[in-house]
Amino acid sequence: IANGGVRVDPNIIKGSATMADGTVVGTDTAKKERVVS
């Protein structure tokens, strides 16, 4: 709601980093999706 109806993935890693299981996480991988107008 604060972001104008667009959900942005929460993230805790700047850029990107690979976890032990091979998953890549971080701000570089964050996705956005409009939920409400």
PDB file of all heavy atoms in Angstrom:
ATOM      1  N   ILE A   1       0.841  -1.194   0.000  1.00  0.00           N
ATOM      2  CA  ILE A   1       0.000   0.000   0.000  1.00  0.00           C
ATOM      3  C   ILE A   1       0.881   1.250   0.000  1.00  0.00           C
ATOM      4  O   ILE A   1       0.611   2.216  -0.725  1.00  0.00           O
ATOM      5  CB  ILE A   1      -0.955   0.002   1.211  1.00  0.00           C
ATOM      6  CG1 ILE A   1      -1.783  -1.290   1.239  1.00  0.00           C
ATOM      7  CG2 ILE A   1      -1.853   1.230   1.193  1.00  0.00           C
ATOM      8  CD1 ILE A   1      -2.569  -1.551  -0.021  1.00  0.00           C
ATOM      9  N   ALA A   2       1.966   1.229   0.788  1.00  0.00           N
ATOM     10  CA  ALA A   2       2.885   2.370   0.822  1.00  0.00           C
ATOM     11  C   ALA A   2       3.523   2.605  -0.535  1.00  0.00           C
ATOM     12  O   ALA A   2       3.819   3.749  -0.907  1.00  0.00           O
ATOM     13  CB  ALA A   2       3.965   2.129   1.875  1.00  0.00           C
ATOM     14  N   ASN A   3       3.727   1.536  -1.298  1.00  0.00           N
ATOM     15  CA  ASN A   3       4.407   1.628  -2.592  1.00  0.00           C
ATOM     16  C   ASN A   3       3.420   1.788  -3.745  1.00  0.00           C
ATOM     17  O   ASN A   3       3.699   1.385  -4.874  1.00  0.00           O
ATOM     18  CB  ASN A   3       5.275   0.382  -2.805  1.00  0.00           C
ATOM     19  CG  ASN A   3       6.307   0.558  -3.900  1.00  0.00           C
ATOM     20  OD1 ASN A   3       6.906   1.616  -4.038  1.00  0.00           O
ATOM     21  ND2 ASN A   3       6.502  -0.484  -4.705  1.00  0.00           N
ATOM     22  N   GLY A   4       2.274   2.377  -3.456  1.00  0.00           N
ATOM     23  CA  GLY A   4       1.324   2.689  -4.511  1.00  0.00           C
ATOM     24  C   GLY A   4       0.625   1.497  -5.106  1.00  0.00           C
ATOM     25  O   GLY A   4       0.182   1.536  -6.259  1.00  0.00           O
ATOM     26  N   GLY A   5       0.502   0.404  -4.316  1.00  0.00           N
ATOM     27  CA  GLY A   5      -0.202  -0.777  -4.786  1.00  0.00           C
ATOM     28  C   GLY A   5       0.678  -1.808  -5.449  1.00  0.00           C
ATOM     29  O   GLY A   5       0.186  -2.846  -5.896  1.00  0.00           O
ATOM     30  N   VAL A   6       1.988  -1.546  -5.529  1.00  0.00           N
ATOM     31  CA  VAL A   6       2.928  -2.482  -6.151  1.00  0.00           C
ATOM     32  C   VAL A   6       3.718  -3.194  -5.062  1.00  0.00           C
ATOM     33  O   VAL A   6       4.406  -2.549  -4.253  1.00  0.00           O
ATOM     34  CB  VAL A   6       3.902  -1.756  -7.099  1.00  0.00           C
ATOM     35  CG1 VAL A   6       4.943  -2.734  -7.652  1.00  0.00           C
ATOM     36  CG2 VAL A   6       3.139  -1.096  -8.231  1.00  0.00           C
ATOM     37  N   ARG A   7       3.593  -4.512  -5.031  1.00  0.00           N
ATOM     38  CA  ARG A   7       4.390  -5.283  -4.071  1.00  0.00           C
ATOM     39  C   ARG A   7       5.789  -5.470  -4.629  1.00  0.00           C
ATOM     40  O   ARG A   7       5.974  -5.896  -5.772  1.00  0.00           O
ATOM     41  CB  ARG A   7       3.777  -6.657  -3.800  1.00  0.00           C
ATOM     42  CG  ARG A   7       4.549  -7.452  -2.745  1.00  0.00           C
ATOM     43  CD  ARG A   7       4.016  -8.872  -2.592  1.00  0.00           C
ATOM     44  NE  ARG A   7       4.761  -9.591  -1.557  1.00  0.00           N
ATOM     45  CZ  ARG A   7       5.933 -10.199  -1.750  1.00  0.00           C
ATOM     46  NH1 ARG A   7       6.497 -10.175  -2.958  1.00  0.00           N
ATOM     47  NH2 ARG A   7       6.538 -10.814  -0.750  1.00  0.00           N
ATOM     48  N   VAL A   8       6.798  -5.141  -3.820  1.00  0.00           N
ATOM     49  CA  VAL A   8       8.187  -5.381  -4.180  1.00  0.00           C
ATOM     50  C   VAL A   8       8.732  -6.416  -3.216  1.00  0.00           C
ATOM     51  O   VAL A   8       8.473  -6.364  -2.010  1.00  0.00           O
ATOM     52  CB  VAL A   8       9.016  -4.076  -4.147  1.00  0.00           C
ATOM     53  CG1 VAL A   8       8.942  -3.402  -2.786  1.00  0.00           C
ATOM     54  CG2 VAL A   8      10.464  -4.351  -4.536  1.00  0.00           C
ATOM     55  N   ASP A   9       9.444  -7.394  -3.733  1.00  0.00           N
ATOM     56  CA  ASP A   9       9.997  -8.437  -2.874  1.00  0.00           C
ATOM     57  C   ASP A   9      10.855  -7.821  -1.779  1.00  0.00           C
ATOM     58  O   ASP A   9      11.719  -6.980  -2.063  1.00  0.00           O
ATOM     59  CB  ASP A   9      10.874  -9.399  -3.683  1.00  0.00           C
ATOM     60  CG  ASP A   9      10.080 -10.323  -4.576  1.00  0.00           C
ATOM     61  OD1 ASP A   9       8.865 -10.463  -4.343  1.00  0.00           O
ATOM     62  OD2 ASP A   9      10.679 -10.917  -5.492  1.00  0.00           O
ATOM     63  N   PRO A  10      10.646  -8.227  -0.529  1.00  0.00           N
ATOM     64  CA  PRO A  10      11.566  -7.783   0.519  1.00  0.00           C
ATOM     65  C   PRO A  10      12.925  -8.420   0.276  1.00  0.00           C
ATOM     66  O   PRO A  10      13.021  -9.531  -0.264  1.00  0.00           O
ATOM     67  CB  PRO A  10      10.922  -8.301   1.808  1.00  0.00           C
ATOM     68  CG  PRO A  10      10.120  -9.483   1.371  1.00  0.00           C
ATOM     69  CD  PRO A  10       9.631  -9.161  -0.005  1.00  0.00           C
ATOM     70  N   ASN A  11      13.977  -7.721   0.631  1.00  0.00           N
ATOM     71  CA  ASN A  11      15.311  -8.291   0.439  1.00  0.00           C
ATOM     72  C   ASN A  11      16.260  -7.805   1.512  1.00  0.00           C
ATOM     73  O   ASN A  11      16.070  -6.738   2.095  1.00  0.00           O
ATOM     74  CB  ASN A  11      15.848  -7.966  -0.960  1.00  0.00           C
ATOM     75  CG  ASN A  11      15.587  -6.529  -1.366  1.00  0.00           C
ATOM     76  OD1 ASN A  11      16.275  -5.623  -0.923  1.00  0.00           O
ATOM     77  ND2 ASN A  11      14.574  -6.310  -2.207  1.00  0.00           N
ATOM     78  N   ILE A  12      17.273  -8.613   1.765  1.00  0.00           N
ATOM     79  CA  ILE A  12      18.210  -8.312   2.852  1.00  0.00           C
ATOM     80  C   ILE A  12      19.657  -8.337   2.389  1.00  0.00           C
ATOM     81  O   ILE A  12      20.567  -8.045   3.151  1.00  0.00           O
ATOM     82  CB  ILE A  12      17.982  -9.296   4.016  1.00  0.00           C
ATOM     83  CG1 ILE A  12      18.466  -8.702   5.327  1.00  0.00           C
ATOM     84  CG2 ILE A  12      18.637 -10.658   3.735  1.00  0.00           C
ATOM     85  CD1 ILE A  12      17.976  -9.443   6.538  1.00  0.00           C
ATOM     86  N   ILE A  13      19.887  -8.682   1.104  1.00  0.00           N
ATOM     87  CA  ILE A  13      21.228  -8.743   0.545  1.00  0.00           C
ATOM     88  C   ILE A  13      21.347  -7.692  -0.555  1.00  0.00           C
ATOM     89  O   ILE A  13      20.533  -7.635  -1.466  1.00  0.00           O
ATOM     90  CB  ILE A  13      21.531 -10.135  -0.055  1.00  0.00           C
ATOM     91  CG1 ILE A  13      21.401 -11.224   1.010  1.00  0.00           C
ATOM     92  CG2 ILE A  13      22.924 -10.154  -0.688  1.00  0.00           C
ATOM     93  CD1 ILE A  13      22.416 -11.136   2.132  1.00  0.00           C
ATOM     94  N   LYS A  14      22.371  -6.845  -0.470  1.00  0.00           N
ATOM     95  CA  LYS A  14      22.653  -5.872  -1.518  1.00  0.00           C
ATOM     96  C   LYS A  14      23.268  -6.599  -2.711  1.00  0.00           C
ATOM     97  O   LYS A  14      24.181  -7.404  -2.555  1.00  0.00           O
ATOM     98  CB  LYS A  14      23.627  -4.810  -1.017  1.00  0.00           C
ATOM     99  CG  LYS A  14      22.993  -3.705  -0.208  1.00  0.00           C
ATOM    100  CD  LYS A  14      22.385  -2.654  -1.128  1.00  0.00           C
ATOM    101  CE  LYS A  14      22.023  -1.386  -0.376  1.00  0.00           C
ATOM    102  NZ  LYS A  14      21.417  -0.381  -1.271  1.00  0.00           N
ATOM    103  N   GLY A  15      22.781  -6.292  -3.900  1.00  0.00           N
ATOM    104  CA  GLY A  15      23.297  -6.974  -5.072  1.00  0.00           C
ATOM    105  C   GLY A  15      22.719  -8.370  -5.150  1.00  0.00           C
ATOM    106  O   GLY A  15      21.503  -8.548  -5.189  1.00  0.00           O
ATOM    107  N   SER A  16      23.575  -9.366  -5.135  1.00  0.00           N
ATOM    108  CA  SER A  16      23.106 -10.752  -5.149  1.00  0.00           C
ATOM    109  C   SER A  16      24.120 -11.636  -4.448  1.00  0.00           C
ATOM    110  O   SER A  16      25.301 -11.298  -4.358  1.00  0.00           O
ATOM    111  CB  SER A  16      22.884 -11.244  -6.588  1.00  0.00           C
ATOM    112  OG  SER A  16      24.112 -11.272  -7.300  1.00  0.00           O
ATOM    113  N   ALA A  17      23.632 -12.754  -3.950  1.00  0.00           N
ATOM    114  CA  ALA A  17      24.495 -13.734  -3.286  1.00  0.00           C
ATOM    115  C   ALA A  17      23.862 -15.105  -3.461  1.00  0.00           C
ATOM    116  O   ALA A  17      22.637 -15.234  -3.497  1.00  0.00           O
ATOM    117  CB  ALA A  17      24.674 -13.406  -1.803  1.00  0.00           C
ATOM    118  N   THR A  18      24.710 -16.121  -3.536  1.00  0.00           N
ATOM    119  CA  THR A  18      24.241 -17.486  -3.747  1.00  0.00           C
ATOM    120  C   THR A  18      24.275 -18.254  -2.437  1.00  0.00           C
ATOM    121  O   THR A  18      25.308 -18.306  -1.767  1.00  0.00           O
ATOM    122  CB  THR A  18      25.114 -18.208  -4.782  1.00  0.00           C
ATOM    123  OG1 THR A  18      25.105 -17.454  -6.004  1.00  0.00           O
ATOM    124  CG2 THR A  18      24.569 -19.603  -5.062  1.00  0.00           C
ATOM    125  N   MET A  19      23.136 -18.828  -2.074  1.00  0.00           N
ATOM    126  CA  MET A  19      23.049 -19.618  -0.855  1.00  0.00           C
ATOM    127  C   MET A  19      23.680 -20.990  -1.070  1.00  0.00           C
ATOM    128  O   MET A  19      23.985 -21.379  -2.213  1.00  0.00           O
ATOM    129  CB  MET A  19      21.586 -19.759  -0.430  1.00  0.00           C
ATOM    130  CG  MET A  19      20.893 -18.439  -0.144  1.00  0.00           C
ATOM    131  SD  MET A  19      19.140 -18.633   0.273  1.00  0.00           S
ATOM    132  CE  MET A  19      19.258 -19.485   1.859  1.00  0.00           C
ATOM    133  N   ALA A  20      23.845 -21.720   0.026  1.00  0.00           N
ATOM    134  CA  ALA A  20      24.481 -23.032  -0.046  1.00  0.00           C
ATOM    135  C   ALA A  20      23.707 -23.993  -0.942  1.00  0.00           C
ATOM    136  O   ALA A  20      24.286 -24.890  -1.554  1.00  0.00           O
ATOM    137  CB  ALA A  20      24.629 -23.617   1.361  1.00  0.00           C
ATOM    138  N   ASP A  21      22.371 -23.803  -1.054  1.00  0.00           N
ATOM    139  CA  ASP A  21      21.565 -24.696  -1.887  1.00  0.00           C
ATOM    140  C   ASP A  21      21.489 -24.235  -3.341  1.00  0.00           C
ATOM    141  O   ASP A  21      20.748 -24.808  -4.144  1.00  0.00           O
ATOM    142  CB  ASP A  21      20.156 -24.856  -1.310  1.00  0.00           C
ATOM    143  CG  ASP A  21      19.365 -23.536  -1.309  1.00  0.00           C
ATOM    144  OD1 ASP A  21      19.898 -22.510  -1.778  1.00  0.00           O
ATOM    145  OD2 ASP A  21      18.215 -23.545  -0.837  1.00  0.00           O
ATOM    146  N   GLY A  22      22.229 -23.179  -3.679  1.00  0.00           N
ATOM    147  CA  GLY A  22      22.253 -22.693  -5.051  1.00  0.00           C
ATOM    148  C   GLY A  22      21.282 -21.581  -5.356  1.00  0.00           C
ATOM    149  O   GLY A  22      21.311 -21.013  -6.452  1.00  0.00           O
ATOM    150  N   THR A  23      20.422 -21.229  -4.402  1.00  0.00           N
ATOM    151  CA  THR A  23      19.449 -20.155  -4.612  1.00  0.00           C
ATOM    152  C   THR A  23      20.145 -18.796  -4.619  1.00  0.00           C
ATOM    153  O   THR A  23      20.952 -18.502  -3.733  1.00  0.00           O
ATOM    154  CB  THR A  23      18.373 -20.171  -3.510  1.00  0.00           C
ATOM    155  OG1 THR A  23      17.739 -21.448  -3.495  1.00  0.00           O
ATOM    156  CG2 THR A  23      17.326 -19.096  -3.760  1.00  0.00           C
ATOM    157  N   VAL A  24      19.831 -17.985  -5.608  1.00  0.00           N
ATOM    158  CA  VAL A  24      20.402 -16.643  -5.698  1.00  0.00           C
ATOM    159  C   VAL A  24      19.376 -15.645  -5.163  1.00  0.00           C
ATOM    160  O   VAL A  24      18.220 -15.636  -5.587  1.00  0.00           O
ATOM    161  CB  VAL A  24      20.768 -16.288  -7.151  1.00  0.00           C
ATOM    162  CG1 VAL A  24      21.356 -14.880  -7.224  1.00  0.00           C
ATOM    163  CG2 VAL A  24      21.759 -17.301  -7.713  1.00  0.00           C
ATOM    164  N   VAL A  25      19.796 -14.830  -4.201  1.00  0.00           N
ATOM    165  CA  VAL A  25      18.905 -13.854  -3.581  1.00  0.00           C
ATOM    166  C   VAL A  25      19.571 -12.488  -3.578  1.00  0.00           C
ATOM    167  O   VAL A  25      20.772 -12.370  -3.806  1.00  0.00           O
ATOM    168  CB  VAL A  25      18.540 -14.266  -2.136  1.00  0.00           C
ATOM    169  CG1 VAL A  25      17.818 -15.601  -2.108  1.00  0.00           C
ATOM    170  CG2 VAL A  25      19.797 -14.338  -1.260  1.00  0.00           C
ATOM    171  N   GLY A  26      18.767 -11.450  -3.323  1.00  0.00           N
ATOM    172  CA  GLY A  26      19.320 -10.111  -3.210  1.00  0.00           C
ATOM    173  C   GLY A  26      18.538  -9.093  -3.999  1.00  0.00           C
ATOM    174  O   GLY A  26      17.583  -9.413  -4.716  1.00  0.00           O
ATOM    175  N   THR A  27      18.944  -7.833  -3.879  1.00  0.00           N
ATOM    176  CA  THR A  27      18.231  -6.746  -4.532  1.00  0.00           C
ATOM    177  C   THR A  27      18.231  -6.889  -6.052  1.00  0.00           C
ATOM    178  O   THR A  27      17.309  -6.439  -6.720  1.00  0.00           O
ATOM    179  CB  THR A  27      18.846  -5.392  -4.151  1.00  0.00           C
ATOM    180  OG1 THR A  27      20.252  -5.416  -4.449  1.00  0.00           O
ATOM    181  CG2 THR A  27      18.671  -5.105  -2.664  1.00  0.00           C
ATOM    182  N   ASP A  28      19.271  -7.526  -6.602  1.00  0.00           N
ATOM    183  CA  ASP A  28      19.330  -7.704  -8.051  1.00  0.00           C
ATOM    184  C   ASP A  28      18.259  -8.669  -8.561  1.00  0.00           C
ATOM    185  O   ASP A  28      17.951  -8.679  -9.761  1.00  0.00           O
ATOM    186  CB  ASP A  28      20.706  -8.223  -8.474  1.00  0.00           C
ATOM    187  CG  ASP A  28      21.796  -7.172  -8.341  1.00  0.00           C
ATOM    188  OD1 ASP A  28      21.449  -5.994  -8.106  1.00  0.00           O
ATOM    189  OD2 ASP A  28      22.981  -7.528  -8.473  1.00  0.00           O
ATOM    190  N   THR A  29      17.726  -9.499  -7.667  1.00  0.00           N
ATOM    191  CA  THR A  29      16.739 -10.497  -8.085  1.00  0.00           C
ATOM    192  C   THR A  29      15.318 -10.123  -7.670  1.00  0.00           C
ATOM    193  O   THR A  29      14.380 -10.879  -7.930  1.00  0.00           O
ATOM    194  CB  THR A  29      17.080 -11.877  -7.489  1.00  0.00           C
ATOM    195  OG1 THR A  29      16.929 -11.836  -6.057  1.00  0.00           O
ATOM    196  CG2 THR A  29      18.510 -12.275  -7.818  1.00  0.00           C
ATOM    197  N   ALA A  30      15.151  -8.984  -6.976  1.00  0.00           N
ATOM    198  CA  ALA A  30      13.838  -8.599  -6.463  1.00  0.00           C
ATOM    199  C   ALA A  30      12.850  -8.351  -7.609  1.00  0.00           C
ATOM    200  O   ALA A  30      13.180  -7.735  -8.621  1.00  0.00           O
ATOM    201  CB  ALA A  30      13.954  -7.345  -5.598  1.00  0.00           C
ATOM    202  N   LYS A  31      11.621  -8.829  -7.411  1.00  0.00           N
ATOM    203  CA  LYS A  31      10.575  -8.671  -8.411  1.00  0.00           C
ATOM    204  C   LYS A  31       9.478  -7.742  -7.888  1.00  0.00           C
ATOM    205  O   LYS A  31       9.283  -7.608  -6.682  1.00  0.00           O
ATOM    206  CB  LYS A  31       9.977 -10.026  -8.768  1.00  0.00           C
ATOM    207  CG  LYS A  31      10.980 -10.990  -9.393  1.00  0.00           C
ATOM    208  CD  LYS A  31      10.343 -12.347  -9.658  1.00  0.00           C
ATOM    209  CE  LYS A  31      11.362 -13.320 -10.243  1.00  0.00           C
ATOM    210  NZ  LYS A  31      10.769 -14.667 -10.457  1.00  0.00           N
ATOM    211  N   LYS A  32       8.761  -7.151  -8.805  1.00  0.00           N
ATOM    212  CA  LYS A  32       7.646  -6.274  -8.460  1.00  0.00           C
ATOM    213  C   LYS A  32       6.374  -6.793  -9.131  1.00  0.00           C
ATOM    214  O   LYS A  32       6.420  -7.339 -10.224  1.00  0.00           O
ATOM    215  CB  LYS A  32       7.921  -4.842  -8.915  1.00  0.00           C
ATOM    216  CG  LYS A  32       9.108  -4.184  -8.217  1.00  0.00           C
ATOM    217  CD  LYS A  32       9.282  -2.750  -8.691  1.00  0.00           C
ATOM    218  CE  LYS A  32      10.441  -2.066  -7.968  1.00  0.00           C
ATOM    219  NZ  LYS A  32      10.615  -0.647  -8.392  1.00  0.00           N
ATOM    220  N   GLU A  33       5.246  -6.598  -8.445  1.00  0.00           N
ATOM    221  CA  GLU A  33       3.959  -7.013  -8.996  1.00  0.00           C
ATOM    222  C   GLU A  33       2.878  -6.054  -8.515  1.00  0.00           C
ATOM    223  O   GLU A  33       2.781  -5.777  -7.312  1.00  0.00           O
ATOM    224  CB  GLU A  33       3.603  -8.435  -8.564  1.00  0.00           C
ATOM    225  CG  GLU A  33       2.257  -8.901  -9.096  1.00  0.00           C
ATOM    226  CD  GLU A  33       1.860 -10.277  -8.598  1.00  0.00           C
ATOM    227  OE1 GLU A  33       2.579 -10.840  -7.744  1.00  0.00           O
ATOM    228  OE2 GLU A  33       0.807 -10.783  -9.046  1.00  0.00           O
ATOM    229  N   ARG A  34       2.096  -5.551  -9.449  1.00  0.00           N
ATOM    230  CA  ARG A  34       0.980  -4.694  -9.031  1.00  0.00           C
ATOM    231  C   ARG A  34      -0.106  -5.560  -8.435  1.00  0.00           C
ATOM    232  O   ARG A  34      -0.560  -6.528  -9.045  1.00  0.00           O
ATOM    233  CB  ARG A  34       0.423  -3.881 -10.195  1.00  0.00           C
ATOM    234  CG  ARG A  34      -0.786  -3.043  -9.768  1.00  0.00           C
ATOM    235  CD  ARG A  34      -1.056  -1.903 -10.697  1.00  0.00           C
ATOM    236  NE  ARG A  34      -0.029  -0.875 -10.704  1.00  0.00           N
ATOM    237  CZ  ARG A  34       0.139   0.045  -9.743  1.00  0.00           C
ATOM    238  NH1 ARG A  34      -0.659   0.037  -8.665  1.00  0.00           N
ATOM    239  NH2 ARG A  34       1.086   0.952  -9.843  1.00  0.00           N
ATOM    240  N   VAL A  35      -0.539  -5.196  -7.225  1.00  0.00           N
ATOM    241  CA  VAL A  35      -1.565  -5.952  -6.511  1.00  0.00           C
ATOM    242  C   VAL A  35      -2.893  -5.217  -6.562  1.00  0.00           C
ATOM    243  O   VAL A  35      -3.941  -5.796  -6.855  1.00  0.00           O
ATOM    244  CB  VAL A  35      -1.138  -6.214  -5.052  1.00  0.00           C
ATOM    245  CG1 VAL A  35      -2.215  -7.001  -4.307  1.00  0.00           C
ATOM    246  CG2 VAL A  35       0.192  -6.962  -5.012  1.00  0.00           C
ATOM    247  N   VAL A  36      -2.867  -3.939  -6.238  1.00  0.00           N
ATOM    248  CA  VAL A  36      -4.069  -3.096  -6.342  1.00  0.00           C
ATOM    249  C   VAL A  36      -3.687  -1.834  -7.099  1.00  0.00           C
ATOM    250  O   VAL A  36      -2.507  -1.496  -7.240  1.00  0.00           O
ATOM    251  CB  VAL A  36      -4.659  -2.740  -4.950  1.00  0.00           C
ATOM    252  CG1 VAL A  36      -5.073  -3.995  -4.201  1.00  0.00           C
ATOM    253  CG2 VAL A  36      -3.655  -1.927  -4.126  1.00  0.00           C
ATOM    254  N   SER A  37      -4.679  -1.129  -7.558  1.00  0.00           N
ATOM    255  CA  SER A  37      -4.416   0.084  -8.328  1.00  0.00           C
ATOM    256  C   SER A  37      -3.805   1.164  -7.452  1.00  0.00           C
ATOM    257  O   SER A  37      -3.929   1.146  -6.219  1.00  0.00           O
ATOM    258  CB  SER A  37      -5.712   0.610  -8.943  1.00  0.00           C
ATOM    259  OG  SER A  37      -6.583   1.078  -7.920  1.00  0.00           O
TER     260      SER A  37
END
